[in-house]
Amino acid sequence: MSLSVSRRLAAVTALAVAGLFASTAPAALAAPTAASAAPTPPDIPLANVKAHLTQFQTIANNNGGNRAHGRAGYRASIDYVKAKLDAAGFTTTLQTFTSSGATGYNLIADWPGGDPNAVLMAGSHLDSVTAGPGINDNGSGSAAVLETALAVSRAQLQPTKHLRFGWWGAEELGLVGSKYYVNSLPSAEKAKISGYLNFDMIGSPNPGYFVYDDDPTIEQTFKTYFAGLNIPTEIETEGDGRSDHAPFKNAGIPVGGLFSGADYTKTAAQAQKWGGTSGQAFDRCYHSSCDTMANINDTALDRNSDAIAYAIWNLGAATPVPPGPSFENTTDVTIPDSPGAAVTSPITVSGVTGNAPATTKVDVNIVHTYRGDLVIDLIAPDGTAYRLKGSNSDSADNVVATYTVDASSEVANGIWKLQVKDVAAQDVGYINSWKITF
């Protein structure tokens, strides 16, 4: 959501007081990541994800109406997921624990290959509350993670990182299963997990599009996916610390994830940008008996399922691309508050033969109190503008990102410019640095 006027003014004041217009960037601003290339992520078939949900619904119907910890419906759910993964070539491990006097189960599935010292993990909790079948909470995340894992098998993906998937038990009793898993890992094994992605409720019937505000690289991966669909996102706050990413985060493991909303109320502004009904909960059936197959928004489930695959492919299967010649401008350029004019930062490129490549990389480092106000373009030597970032409701500060531009129609040598315009009032910032790589 957009920052309130008072919060945005406070941010402006804080920036001025902190003296962030110094010649060096704040230590918290990380350098852009190296360019990398990943295989094209697949489209995850919505029909397949919903087929898994139908199985979860049937399991609940046949086992007292739920899939809760310690109940037959949960064990049947675990058995269903495990059978699918075993048939697809995963190495599966059923981990047991005890909670509230009942045996609980975590299911871990490893895909062969990848760097064993760099593990990318994705997971979701498989249990429901006792009140209902838990189709959105959290059949939705469990089904999407399962189908993404099966897509890895169908593609016979050869990842650069080792891929691991997890389905957690007894989340509804206090993250019991995921805590048990993390706590049972030796320190050396925890250190091998380069990231954990969590998906808890991604098909809410009155959905929002929320991204976890934790590890910057994981967060930006999801934001990039949704930006490609022209869907604004907001930082996830409703479930902060209340889902299975928390034990991983507490152990120092980078985390991220997606969420479509629970019992918080959708605002008018959110309904305007996402559709749905303002003044109504994102999920009116949260933790209720009506959390059935009728409690799923197909569009949200489809988009979020594809986003999971996008993240797995880009974070787990990308390989570094040897960079070509790079040129950088580190001179600070103040960005005037709206309605001020756009500003540019030039770079003179010389000694490069022929045209720019179709994978021209533009690394941007901008310090700003509200990045949602910024429109950023790359201006080629002939004046052609390439849009890097449009204005949106991205309620965060700073822009630290790498963009890929197909500039193959442009002669490489000449003066390239980064152009930045602030399109809404009450925020300040500056271009800290930018770099173009051919």
Protein backbone atom coordinates (compact mmCIF):
# COMPACT_ATOMS: atom_id res chain seq x y z
CA MET A 1 0.00 0.00 0.00
CA SER A 2 1.08 3.59 -0.45
CA LEU A 3 2.75 5.30 2.47
CA SER A 4 0.56 7.84 4.19
CA VAL A 5 1.48 11.50 3.74
CA SER A 6 2.71 11.69 7.32
CA ARG A 7 4.87 8.60 6.95
CA ARG A 8 6.29 9.77 3.67
CA LEU A 9 7.13 13.18 5.11
CA ALA A 10 8.77 11.47 8.06
CA ALA A 11 10.85 9.43 5.64
CA VAL A 12 11.94 12.60 3.85
CA THR A 13 12.99 14.15 7.15
CA ALA A 14 14.87 11.03 8.18
CA LEU A 15 16.76 10.98 4.90
CA ALA A 16 17.79 14.60 5.23
CA VAL A 17 18.84 14.20 8.85
CA ALA A 18 20.87 11.10 8.08
CA GLY A 19 22.81 12.99 5.46
CA LEU A 20 22.29 10.40 2.77
CA PHE A 21 23.23 12.90 0.08
CA ALA A 22 26.87 12.26 0.89
CA SER A 23 29.17 11.12 -1.86
CA THR A 24 29.09 7.48 -0.80
CA ALA A 25 26.14 5.12 -0.67
CA PRO A 26 24.84 3.80 2.67
CA ALA A 27 26.41 0.53 3.68
CA ALA A 28 22.99 -1.13 3.59
CA LEU A 29 22.73 -0.70 -0.16
CA ALA A 30 24.14 -3.84 -1.70
CA ALA A 31 25.82 -3.84 -5.07
CA PRO A 32 23.70 -5.19 -7.94
CA THR A 33 24.06 -8.91 -8.46
CA ALA A 34 26.09 -10.31 -11.33
CA ALA A 35 24.25 -11.01 -14.55
CA SER A 36 22.97 -14.55 -14.89
CA ALA A 37 20.91 -16.61 -17.29
CA ALA A 38 18.31 -19.23 -16.42
CA PRO A 39 16.32 -21.72 -18.49
CA THR A 40 12.86 -20.45 -19.39
CA PRO A 41 10.51 -21.20 -16.49
CA PRO A 42 7.47 -23.30 -17.35
CA ASP A 43 3.87 -22.24 -17.16
CA ILE A 44 2.42 -24.23 -14.26
CA PRO A 45 -0.92 -25.68 -15.40
CA LEU A 46 -3.70 -24.38 -13.19
CA ALA A 47 -5.68 -27.54 -13.90
CA ASN A 48 -2.91 -29.65 -12.39
CA VAL A 49 -2.73 -27.51 -9.25
CA LYS A 50 -6.50 -27.70 -8.82
CA ALA A 51 -6.41 -31.47 -9.34
CA HIS A 52 -4.17 -31.71 -6.27
CA LEU A 53 -6.60 -29.48 -4.37
CA THR A 54 -9.46 -31.75 -5.37
CA GLN A 55 -7.55 -34.67 -3.90
CA PHE A 56 -7.03 -32.75 -0.65
CA GLN A 57 -10.75 -31.96 -0.54
CA THR A 58 -11.63 -35.61 -1.11
CA ILE A 59 -9.20 -36.68 1.60
CA ALA A 60 -10.81 -34.28 4.05
CA ASN A 61 -14.30 -35.42 3.07
CA ASN A 62 -13.31 -39.02 3.76
CA ASN A 63 -11.61 -38.26 7.07
CA GLY A 64 -13.89 -36.20 9.28
CA GLY A 65 -13.82 -33.00 7.21
CA ASN A 66 -10.24 -31.91 7.87
CA ARG A 67 -6.55 -32.64 7.33
CA ALA A 68 -5.31 -31.56 10.75
CA HIS A 69 -2.24 -32.71 12.67
CA GLY A 70 -2.74 -36.08 14.31
CA ARG A 71 -5.78 -36.89 12.17
CA ALA A 72 -6.10 -39.47 9.41
CA GLY A 73 -6.68 -36.73 6.84
CA TYR A 74 -3.21 -35.29 7.39
CA ARG A 75 -1.45 -38.63 7.01
CA ALA A 76 -3.46 -39.31 3.83
CA SER A 77 -2.38 -35.92 2.48
CA ILE A 78 1.29 -36.68 3.17
CA ASP A 79 0.94 -40.09 1.51
CA TYR A 80 -0.63 -38.50 -1.59
CA VAL A 81 2.14 -35.95 -2.01
CA LYS A 82 4.89 -38.48 -1.32
CA ALA A 83 3.55 -40.92 -3.93
CA LYS A 84 3.56 -38.21 -6.60
CA LEU A 85 7.13 -37.22 -5.80
CA ASP A 86 8.44 -40.78 -5.59
CA ALA A 87 7.00 -41.51 -9.02
CA ALA A 88 8.64 -38.36 -10.41
CA GLY A 89 12.16 -39.35 -9.35
CA PHE A 90 12.61 -37.39 -6.13
CA THR A 91 14.35 -38.79 -3.08
CA THR A 92 11.79 -38.40 -0.31
CA THR A 93 12.22 -38.51 3.45
CA LEU A 94 9.37 -38.74 5.94
CA GLN A 95 10.41 -37.03 9.15
CA THR A 96 8.38 -37.75 12.30
CA PHE A 97 7.90 -35.67 15.43
CA THR A 98 5.47 -35.56 18.33
CA SER A 99 3.15 -32.69 19.19
CA SER A 100 0.09 -32.57 21.46
CA GLY A 101 0.43 -36.27 22.06
CA ALA A 102 0.19 -37.18 18.36
CA THR A 103 2.72 -38.14 15.72
CA GLY A 104 3.37 -35.49 13.12
CA TYR A 105 5.07 -35.69 9.75
CA ASN A 106 7.26 -33.52 7.56
CA LEU A 107 7.92 -34.59 3.99
CA ILE A 108 11.25 -33.61 2.41
CA ALA A 109 11.91 -34.17 -1.30
CA ASP A 110 15.33 -33.75 -2.93
CA TRP A 111 15.88 -33.44 -6.67
CA PRO A 112 19.16 -35.03 -7.82
CA GLY A 113 22.00 -32.78 -8.89
CA GLY A 114 22.98 -29.21 -8.20
CA ASP A 115 25.58 -27.93 -5.79
CA PRO A 116 25.08 -29.78 -2.49
CA ASN A 117 26.67 -26.84 -0.69
CA ALA A 118 24.08 -24.41 -2.09
CA VAL A 119 20.56 -25.65 -1.42
CA LEU A 120 17.48 -23.76 -2.59
CA MET A 121 14.42 -24.88 -0.68
CA ALA A 122 10.72 -24.22 -1.18
CA GLY A 123 8.00 -25.30 1.21
CA SER A 124 4.51 -25.00 2.58
CA HIS A 125 2.48 -26.39 5.44
CA LEU A 126 0.21 -29.27 4.56
CA ASP A 127 -1.98 -29.41 7.66
CA SER A 128 -5.37 -27.73 8.07
CA VAL A 129 -7.14 -26.59 11.19
CA THR A 130 -9.65 -29.04 12.65
CA ALA A 131 -12.57 -26.82 11.59
CA GLY A 132 -12.31 -27.54 7.87
CA PRO A 133 -10.42 -29.03 4.92
CA GLY A 134 -7.97 -26.12 4.58
CA ILE A 135 -8.07 -25.81 0.81
CA ASN A 136 -6.71 -22.26 0.68
CA ASP A 137 -4.93 -22.58 4.05
CA ASN A 138 -2.85 -24.29 3.01
CA GLY A 139 -3.81 -26.68 0.29
CA SER A 140 -3.11 -23.85 -2.15
CA GLY A 141 0.56 -23.46 -1.28
CA SER A 142 1.07 -27.21 -0.91
CA ALA A 143 -0.51 -27.99 -4.28
CA ALA A 144 1.46 -25.28 -6.08
CA VAL A 145 4.78 -26.34 -4.56
CA LEU A 146 3.98 -29.96 -5.47
CA GLU A 147 3.15 -29.09 -9.07
CA THR A 148 6.29 -26.97 -9.36
CA ALA A 149 8.36 -29.90 -8.13
CA LEU A 150 6.67 -32.14 -10.70
CA ALA A 151 7.46 -29.52 -13.35
CA VAL A 152 11.13 -29.78 -12.35
CA SER A 153 10.88 -33.51 -13.03
CA ARG A 154 9.05 -33.09 -16.34
CA ALA A 155 11.72 -30.65 -17.52
CA GLN A 156 14.49 -32.90 -16.16
CA LEU A 157 15.91 -29.64 -14.86
CA GLN A 158 19.64 -29.60 -14.21
CA PRO A 159 19.87 -26.90 -11.55
CA THR A 160 23.00 -25.11 -10.47
CA LYS A 161 21.81 -25.23 -6.86
CA HIS A 162 20.51 -28.36 -5.18
CA LEU A 163 16.70 -28.21 -5.08
CA ARG A 164 14.78 -29.34 -2.01
CA PHE A 165 11.06 -29.14 -1.30
CA GLY A 166 9.27 -29.47 2.04
CA TRP A 167 5.72 -29.99 3.32
CA TRP A 168 5.35 -29.18 7.01
CA GLY A 169 3.14 -30.69 9.67
CA ALA A 170 1.47 -29.03 12.65
CA GLU A 171 2.00 -25.49 11.39
CA GLU A 172 -1.41 -24.59 12.79
CA LEU A 173 -0.19 -25.56 16.27
CA GLY A 174 2.70 -23.10 16.18
CA LEU A 175 5.05 -23.93 13.29
CA VAL A 176 5.88 -27.20 15.03
CA GLY A 177 6.99 -29.21 12.00
CA SER A 178 9.21 -26.59 10.38
CA LYS A 179 10.78 -25.73 13.74
CA TYR A 180 11.55 -29.39 14.26
CA TYR A 181 13.16 -29.66 10.83
CA VAL A 182 15.34 -26.58 11.21
CA ASN A 183 16.34 -27.40 14.78
CA SER A 184 17.30 -30.94 13.79
CA LEU A 185 19.70 -29.76 11.10
CA PRO A 186 23.39 -29.65 12.06
CA SER A 187 24.92 -26.20 11.77
CA ALA A 188 26.87 -27.25 8.69
CA GLU A 189 23.65 -28.30 6.93
CA LYS A 190 21.86 -25.06 7.83
CA ALA A 191 24.76 -23.15 6.33
CA LYS A 192 24.25 -24.95 3.01
CA ILE A 193 20.70 -23.59 2.56
CA SER A 194 21.09 -20.51 0.38
CA GLY A 195 17.41 -19.63 0.57
CA TYR A 196 14.00 -20.85 1.73
CA LEU A 197 10.82 -19.85 -0.13
CA ASN A 198 7.51 -20.13 1.73
CA PHE A 199 4.02 -20.32 0.25
CA ASP A 200 1.15 -20.14 2.72
CA MET A 201 -2.28 -19.16 1.29
CA ILE A 202 -1.80 -18.16 -2.35
CA GLY A 203 -5.34 -18.59 -3.71
CA SER A 204 -7.41 -16.38 -1.44
CA PRO A 205 -10.89 -15.66 -2.88
CA ASN A 206 -10.56 -11.87 -2.52
CA PRO A 207 -6.82 -11.83 -3.20
CA GLY A 208 -3.99 -9.44 -2.72
CA TYR A 209 -0.49 -9.86 -4.09
CA PHE A 210 1.92 -9.72 -1.18
CA VAL A 211 5.67 -10.39 -1.27
CA TYR A 212 7.76 -11.13 1.82
CA ASP A 213 10.10 -8.28 2.72
CA ASP A 214 13.07 -10.35 3.84
CA ASP A 215 15.98 -11.37 1.62
CA PRO A 216 16.40 -8.64 -1.04
CA THR A 217 17.35 -11.00 -3.88
CA ILE A 218 14.40 -13.32 -3.30
CA GLU A 219 12.05 -10.37 -2.84
CA GLN A 220 13.21 -8.74 -6.07
CA THR A 221 12.82 -12.02 -7.98
CA PHE A 222 9.12 -12.15 -7.13
CA LYS A 223 8.65 -8.44 -7.77
CA THR A 224 10.26 -8.80 -11.18
CA TYR A 225 7.86 -11.61 -12.05
CA PHE A 226 4.77 -9.61 -11.10
CA ALA A 227 6.13 -6.46 -12.76
CA GLY A 228 6.24 -8.48 -15.97
CA LEU A 229 2.49 -9.02 -15.58
CA ASN A 230 1.99 -5.34 -14.71
CA ILE A 231 0.65 -6.37 -11.30
CA PRO A 232 1.64 -4.13 -8.38
CA THR A 233 2.66 -5.87 -5.20
CA GLU A 234 2.73 -4.89 -1.54
CA ILE A 235 4.99 -5.95 1.28
CA GLU A 236 3.52 -8.82 3.27
CA THR A 237 2.86 -7.89 6.91
CA GLU A 238 -0.21 -9.88 7.98
CA GLY A 239 1.59 -13.18 8.35
CA ASP A 240 4.99 -11.89 9.45
CA GLY A 241 6.51 -14.51 11.71
CA ARG A 242 3.32 -16.60 11.63
CA SER A 243 4.31 -19.12 8.97
CA ASP A 244 7.03 -21.65 8.30
CA HIS A 245 9.63 -19.21 7.01
CA ALA A 246 10.11 -17.94 10.58
CA PRO A 247 12.24 -20.85 11.89
CA PHE A 248 14.49 -20.58 8.83
CA LYS A 249 14.81 -16.82 9.23
CA ASN A 250 15.58 -17.19 12.93
CA ALA A 251 18.37 -19.60 12.00
CA GLY A 252 19.95 -16.99 9.74
CA ILE A 253 18.76 -18.53 6.47
CA PRO A 254 17.61 -16.08 3.74
CA VAL A 255 13.85 -16.33 3.26
CA GLY A 256 11.12 -15.03 0.98
CA GLY A 257 7.69 -15.94 -0.24
CA LEU A 258 4.21 -15.02 -1.42
CA PHE A 259 0.84 -14.54 0.27
CA SER A 260 -2.63 -13.60 -0.96
CA GLY A 261 -4.18 -12.53 2.35
CA ALA A 262 -6.10 -14.03 5.27
CA ASP A 263 -8.57 -12.29 7.58
CA TYR A 264 -7.32 -8.72 7.13
CA THR A 265 -9.71 -6.45 5.25
CA LYS A 266 -9.03 -5.37 1.68
CA THR A 267 -8.93 -1.58 1.40
CA ALA A 268 -10.54 0.49 -1.34
CA ALA A 269 -7.10 1.29 -2.74
CA GLN A 270 -6.20 -2.40 -2.86
CA ALA A 271 -9.49 -3.27 -4.57
CA GLN A 272 -8.85 -0.57 -7.14
CA LYS A 273 -5.49 -2.01 -8.18
CA TRP A 274 -6.19 -5.73 -7.71
CA GLY A 275 -9.93 -6.04 -8.17
CA GLY A 276 -12.12 -7.83 -5.68
CA THR A 277 -14.25 -6.36 -2.91
CA SER A 278 -13.13 -3.61 -0.56
CA GLY A 279 -14.23 -3.79 3.05
CA GLN A 280 -14.17 -7.59 2.90
CA ALA A 281 -11.52 -9.99 4.19
CA PHE A 282 -9.04 -11.42 1.72
CA ASP A 283 -10.29 -14.82 2.88
CA ARG A 284 -13.65 -14.81 4.70
CA CYS A 285 -13.31 -18.56 5.24
CA TYR A 286 -9.94 -18.36 6.98
CA HIS A 287 -9.72 -21.20 9.55
CA SER A 288 -13.36 -22.09 8.91
CA SER A 289 -15.36 -25.01 7.58
CA CYS A 290 -16.05 -23.11 4.35
CA ASP A 291 -12.37 -23.22 3.31
CA THR A 292 -13.28 -25.65 0.54
CA MET A 293 -12.72 -25.87 -3.21
CA ALA A 294 -15.22 -23.02 -3.52
CA ASN A 295 -12.83 -20.81 -1.54
CA ILE A 296 -10.17 -20.41 -4.26
CA ASN A 297 -9.53 -17.58 -6.70
CA ASP A 298 -8.24 -19.31 -9.81
CA THR A 299 -6.47 -16.25 -11.19
CA ALA A 300 -4.47 -15.66 -8.02
CA LEU A 301 -3.64 -19.34 -7.69
CA ASP A 302 -2.49 -19.49 -11.32
CA ARG A 303 -0.31 -16.37 -11.08
CA ASN A 304 1.26 -17.35 -7.79
CA SER A 305 1.95 -20.91 -8.99
CA ASP A 306 3.77 -19.53 -12.03
CA ALA A 307 5.68 -17.16 -9.74
CA ILE A 308 6.94 -20.13 -7.72
CA ALA A 309 8.31 -21.75 -10.86
CA TYR A 310 9.83 -18.44 -11.97
CA ALA A 311 11.68 -18.18 -8.65
CA ILE A 312 12.87 -21.79 -8.62
CA TRP A 313 14.20 -21.56 -12.17
CA ASN A 314 15.84 -18.15 -11.71
CA LEU A 315 17.25 -18.68 -8.22
CA GLY A 316 18.05 -22.36 -8.57
CA ALA A 317 19.05 -22.93 -12.18
CA ALA A 318 20.68 -19.68 -13.31
CA THR A 319 24.29 -19.69 -14.46
CA PRO A 320 26.59 -16.67 -14.48
CA VAL A 321 26.99 -14.94 -17.82
CA PRO A 322 30.51 -13.69 -18.47
CA PRO A 323 30.14 -9.92 -18.72
CA GLY A 324 31.25 -7.89 -21.69
CA PRO A 325 32.75 -4.41 -21.38
CA SER A 326 31.23 -2.38 -18.54
CA PHE A 327 31.01 1.39 -18.11
CA GLU A 328 29.94 3.08 -14.88
CA ASN A 329 29.01 6.54 -13.58
CA THR A 330 29.31 6.98 -9.81
CA THR A 331 28.59 10.70 -9.68
CA ASP A 332 25.56 11.51 -7.52
CA VAL A 333 22.67 13.20 -9.34
CA THR A 334 19.90 14.70 -7.20
CA ILE A 335 16.39 13.72 -8.26
CA PRO A 336 14.08 16.71 -7.76
CA ASP A 337 10.74 16.08 -6.13
CA SER A 338 7.70 16.18 -8.41
CA PRO A 339 6.83 18.30 -10.38
CA GLY A 340 10.54 18.73 -11.06
CA ALA A 341 11.99 17.75 -14.40
CA ALA A 342 13.59 14.42 -15.18
CA VAL A 343 17.34 14.18 -14.59
CA THR A 344 19.95 12.18 -16.45
CA SER A 345 23.29 10.61 -15.68
CA PRO A 346 25.48 10.07 -18.77
CA ILE A 347 27.98 7.37 -19.64
CA THR A 348 30.24 7.63 -22.68
CA VAL A 349 30.83 4.24 -24.29
CA SER A 350 33.76 3.71 -26.65
CA GLY A 351 35.80 0.86 -28.02
CA VAL A 352 32.86 -1.55 -28.37
CA THR A 353 32.47 -3.10 -31.81
CA GLY A 354 29.06 -3.10 -33.49
CA ASN A 355 25.69 -2.92 -31.81
CA ALA A 356 24.72 -3.43 -28.19
CA PRO A 357 23.63 -7.00 -27.37
CA ALA A 358 20.07 -8.18 -26.84
CA THR A 359 21.06 -8.83 -23.22
CA THR A 360 22.47 -5.42 -22.36
CA LYS A 361 22.61 -5.19 -18.55
CA VAL A 362 21.82 -2.00 -16.68
CA ASP A 363 22.68 -1.96 -12.96
CA VAL A 364 20.87 0.82 -11.08
CA ASN A 365 21.57 2.06 -7.56
CA ILE A 366 19.20 4.87 -6.53
CA VAL A 367 18.71 6.14 -2.99
CA HIS A 368 15.12 7.36 -2.58
CA THR A 369 12.49 7.53 0.14
CA TYR A 370 9.68 6.11 -2.03
CA ARG A 371 10.64 4.11 -5.09
CA GLY A 372 7.03 3.81 -6.23
CA ASP A 373 7.20 7.41 -7.50
CA LEU A 374 10.13 6.81 -9.83
CA VAL A 375 10.06 6.29 -13.58
CA ILE A 376 13.42 5.09 -14.93
CA ASP A 377 14.49 4.93 -18.57
CA LEU A 378 17.68 4.02 -20.42
CA ILE A 379 18.29 6.55 -23.20
CA ALA A 380 20.33 5.26 -26.14
CA PRO A 381 22.77 7.49 -28.03
CA ASP A 382 20.17 8.08 -30.77
CA GLY A 383 17.59 9.21 -28.19
CA THR A 384 15.54 6.00 -28.07
CA ALA A 385 14.11 5.41 -24.60
CA TYR A 386 13.94 1.95 -23.02
CA ARG A 387 11.64 1.78 -19.98
CA LEU A 388 13.33 0.08 -17.04
CA LYS A 389 10.78 0.86 -14.33
CA GLY A 390 7.40 2.52 -14.28
CA SER A 391 5.68 4.18 -11.32
CA ASN A 392 3.60 1.83 -9.20
CA SER A 393 2.44 1.22 -5.65
CA ASP A 394 5.73 -0.32 -4.61
CA SER A 395 5.79 1.00 -1.05
CA ALA A 396 9.50 0.67 -0.38
CA ASP A 397 12.58 2.83 -0.57
CA ASN A 398 15.60 2.74 -2.90
CA VAL A 399 16.07 1.03 -6.26
CA VAL A 400 18.89 -1.49 -6.35
CA ALA A 401 18.26 -3.67 -9.37
CA THR A 402 19.65 -5.15 -12.57
CA TYR A 403 17.62 -4.76 -15.74
CA THR A 404 18.09 -6.60 -19.05
CA VAL A 405 17.45 -4.54 -22.19
CA ASP A 406 17.25 -5.68 -25.79
CA ALA A 407 19.27 -2.83 -27.29
CA SER A 408 20.47 -4.82 -30.28
CA SER A 409 19.23 -2.16 -32.71
CA GLU A 410 21.53 0.45 -31.13
CA VAL A 411 25.16 1.20 -31.93
CA ALA A 412 27.05 0.52 -28.72
CA ASN A 413 29.44 3.47 -28.85
CA GLY A 414 28.12 6.87 -27.87
CA ILE A 415 26.53 8.61 -24.90
CA TRP A 416 24.03 6.50 -22.96
CA LYS A 417 21.94 8.10 -20.23
CA LEU A 418 20.01 6.90 -17.23
CA GLN A 419 16.92 9.12 -16.98
CA VAL A 420 14.93 9.31 -13.76
CA LYS A 421 11.76 11.27 -13.04
CA ASP A 422 9.85 11.60 -9.77
CA VAL A 423 6.15 11.65 -10.69
CA ALA A 424 4.59 12.29 -7.26
CA ALA A 425 5.34 14.78 -4.51
CA GLN A 426 6.84 14.54 -1.02
CA ASP A 427 9.82 12.25 -1.63
CA VAL A 428 13.50 12.87 -2.29
CA GLY A 429 16.52 10.94 -3.46
CA TYR A 430 19.42 10.73 -5.85
CA ILE A 431 21.08 8.53 -8.46
CA ASN A 432 23.93 6.97 -6.52
CA SER A 433 25.49 5.08 -9.42
CA TRP A 434 24.66 3.10 -12.52
CA LYS A 435 26.48 0.78 -14.87
CA ILE A 436 25.89 -0.54 -18.37
CA THR A 437 27.38 -3.85 -19.47
CA PHE A 438 27.49 -5.04 -23.08
